[in-house]
Protein backbone atom coordinates (compact mmCIF):
# COMPACT_ATOMS: atom_id res chain seq x y z
CA MET A 1 6.09 -51.35 -15.97
CA GLU A 2 4.91 -52.76 -12.73
CA VAL A 3 8.13 -51.65 -11.06
CA ASP A 4 7.77 -48.05 -12.32
CA ARG A 5 4.37 -47.73 -10.70
CA ARG A 6 5.63 -48.85 -7.35
CA ARG A 7 8.42 -46.29 -7.40
CA GLY A 8 5.95 -43.57 -8.15
CA ALA A 9 7.28 -42.54 -11.55
CA GLY A 10 3.76 -41.62 -12.69
CA ARG A 11 2.83 -39.62 -9.55
CA GLN A 12 3.01 -35.85 -9.32
CA PRO A 13 5.30 -34.36 -6.71
CA LEU A 14 3.67 -33.19 -3.49
CA ALA A 15 3.87 -29.40 -3.28
CA GLN A 16 2.50 -28.15 0.00
CA ILE A 17 3.49 -25.16 2.04
CA ASN A 18 4.36 -25.92 5.59
CA VAL A 19 2.53 -23.23 7.62
CA THR A 20 3.70 -24.38 11.04
CA PRO A 21 6.75 -22.04 11.15
CA LEU A 22 4.57 -19.15 9.96
CA VAL A 23 2.06 -19.81 12.76
CA ASP A 24 4.90 -20.05 15.31
CA VAL A 25 6.32 -16.69 14.24
CA MET A 26 2.90 -15.01 14.31
CA LEU A 27 2.17 -16.28 17.80
CA VAL A 28 5.52 -15.02 19.05
CA LEU A 29 4.80 -11.60 17.51
CA LEU A 30 1.35 -11.57 19.09
CA ILE A 31 2.82 -12.26 22.50
CA ILE A 32 5.44 -9.52 22.03
CA PHE A 33 2.80 -6.98 21.06
CA MET A 34 0.55 -7.97 23.95
CA VAL A 35 3.39 -7.52 26.42
CA THR A 36 4.69 -4.20 25.01
CA ALA A 37 1.29 -2.51 24.40
CA PRO A 38 0.63 -1.60 28.07
CA MET A 39 4.15 -0.17 28.33
CA MET A 40 3.54 2.16 25.40
CA GLU A 41 0.38 3.59 26.99
CA LYS A 42 1.93 4.02 30.39
CA GLY A 43 5.01 5.96 29.32
CA LEU A 44 7.86 6.84 31.61
CA ASP A 45 7.76 8.29 35.10
CA VAL A 46 9.46 11.68 34.90
CA ASN A 47 9.85 14.21 37.67
CA LEU A 48 9.12 17.52 35.98
CA PRO A 49 10.77 20.72 37.14
CA GLN A 50 8.61 23.36 38.80
CA VAL A 51 8.45 26.91 37.53
CA GLY A 52 7.50 30.05 39.37
CA LYS A 53 5.15 31.58 36.82
CA ALA A 54 4.09 29.87 33.63
CA PRO A 55 1.38 30.84 31.16
CA ASP A 56 -1.84 28.94 31.64
CA LEU A 57 -2.59 27.03 28.44
CA ALA A 58 -6.29 27.00 29.21
CA ALA A 59 -6.30 30.77 29.54
CA GLN A 60 -5.09 31.35 25.98
CA GLN A 61 -7.67 33.11 23.88
CA GLU A 62 -9.75 31.18 21.43
CA PRO A 63 -9.56 32.14 17.74
CA LEU A 64 -12.17 34.56 16.48
CA ILE A 65 -15.00 33.33 14.31
CA VAL A 66 -16.24 35.58 11.52
CA SER A 67 -19.73 34.53 10.41
CA VAL A 68 -21.45 35.38 7.12
CA THR A 69 -25.18 34.65 6.97
CA ARG A 70 -27.26 33.83 3.92
CA GLY A 71 -28.69 37.35 3.85
CA GLY A 72 -25.21 38.91 3.90
CA GLY A 73 -25.09 39.66 7.63
CA LEU A 74 -21.66 39.70 9.27
CA ALA A 75 -20.59 38.97 12.83
CA VAL A 76 -17.29 38.70 14.67
CA GLY A 77 -17.96 36.25 17.47
CA ALA A 78 -21.27 37.51 18.94
CA GLN A 79 -20.76 41.12 17.76
CA ALA A 80 -22.73 42.08 14.68
CA VAL A 81 -20.87 44.09 12.03
CA ALA A 82 -22.70 46.46 9.67
CA ASN A 83 -20.72 45.82 6.49
CA VAL A 84 -17.45 44.49 5.08
CA GLU A 85 -15.79 47.90 5.27
CA ARG A 86 -16.42 48.03 9.02
CA LEU A 87 -15.25 44.40 9.48
CA GLU A 88 -11.55 45.22 9.16
CA ALA A 89 -11.73 47.87 11.93
CA VAL A 90 -13.67 45.57 14.26
CA LEU A 91 -11.17 42.76 13.71
CA LYS A 92 -8.18 45.04 14.40
CA GLN A 93 -9.86 46.14 17.65
CA GLN A 94 -10.59 42.59 18.80
CA LEU A 95 -7.21 41.23 17.76
CA ALA A 96 -5.24 43.98 19.49
CA GLY A 97 -2.70 42.51 21.88
CA ARG A 98 -2.85 39.03 20.40
CA LYS A 99 0.28 37.63 18.89
CA ASP A 100 -0.12 35.38 15.89
CA PRO A 101 -3.92 35.88 15.58
CA GLU A 102 -6.07 33.12 14.16
CA VAL A 103 -9.52 33.61 12.58
CA PHE A 104 -12.06 31.09 11.34
CA LEU A 105 -14.53 32.05 8.62
CA LYS A 106 -17.95 30.45 8.87
CA ALA A 107 -19.99 31.28 5.77
CA ASP A 108 -23.41 29.94 4.81
CA LYS A 109 -23.25 27.62 1.80
CA ASP A 110 -25.66 29.88 -0.13
CA VAL A 111 -23.52 33.02 0.26
CA PRO A 112 -22.11 34.11 -3.11
CA TYR A 113 -18.45 33.34 -3.64
CA GLY A 114 -17.63 37.00 -4.23
CA ALA A 115 -18.98 38.00 -0.82
CA VAL A 116 -16.84 35.38 0.88
CA VAL A 117 -13.74 36.64 -0.99
CA GLU A 118 -14.48 40.21 0.17
CA VAL A 119 -14.72 39.02 3.77
CA MET A 120 -11.43 37.09 3.40
CA ALA A 121 -9.75 40.22 1.99
CA ALA A 122 -10.98 42.24 4.98
CA VAL A 123 -9.65 39.62 7.39
CA ARG A 124 -6.27 39.67 5.64
CA GLY A 125 -6.33 43.47 5.75
CA ALA A 126 -6.71 43.29 9.54
CA GLY A 127 -3.31 41.57 9.70
CA VAL A 128 -4.49 37.98 10.07
CA ASN A 129 -2.18 35.41 8.50
CA LYS A 130 -4.00 32.30 9.74
CA LEU A 131 -7.47 32.06 8.25
CA GLY A 132 -9.41 28.82 8.47
CA MET A 133 -12.69 27.87 6.82
CA VAL A 134 -15.38 26.12 8.88
CA ALA A 135 -17.41 23.41 7.12
CA GLU A 136 -19.82 20.61 8.06
CA PRO A 137 -18.53 17.08 7.64
CA LYS A 138 -20.41 14.94 5.12
């Protein structure tokens, strides 16, 4: 029995994870990311061709904003509109000459749902395919 104890027959095996290779790999990855990160921000130096006349991106027209107030008032941008029936004509006038017009609808949260749907129908009737809703973030 004395001999068995010296050999370690009664001991449990040592089960430990060697984390040294894991730390080595992580440090190598950290160095790689630190070296390549500035290259990703910098990009490549490219000589761009020059064009005679190009459209100015800043000069493109902003999308129209149709506002519906709590009392039922309507406005297209800063121009007040008398009623929903008149809204379609005003939108057609302001969107004339624009290709692929875009309109944002900004309605008060207390406006009845039916009134908002009527305004949306008038916007669609003016030929607008892109209609976005404006909301406050929570």
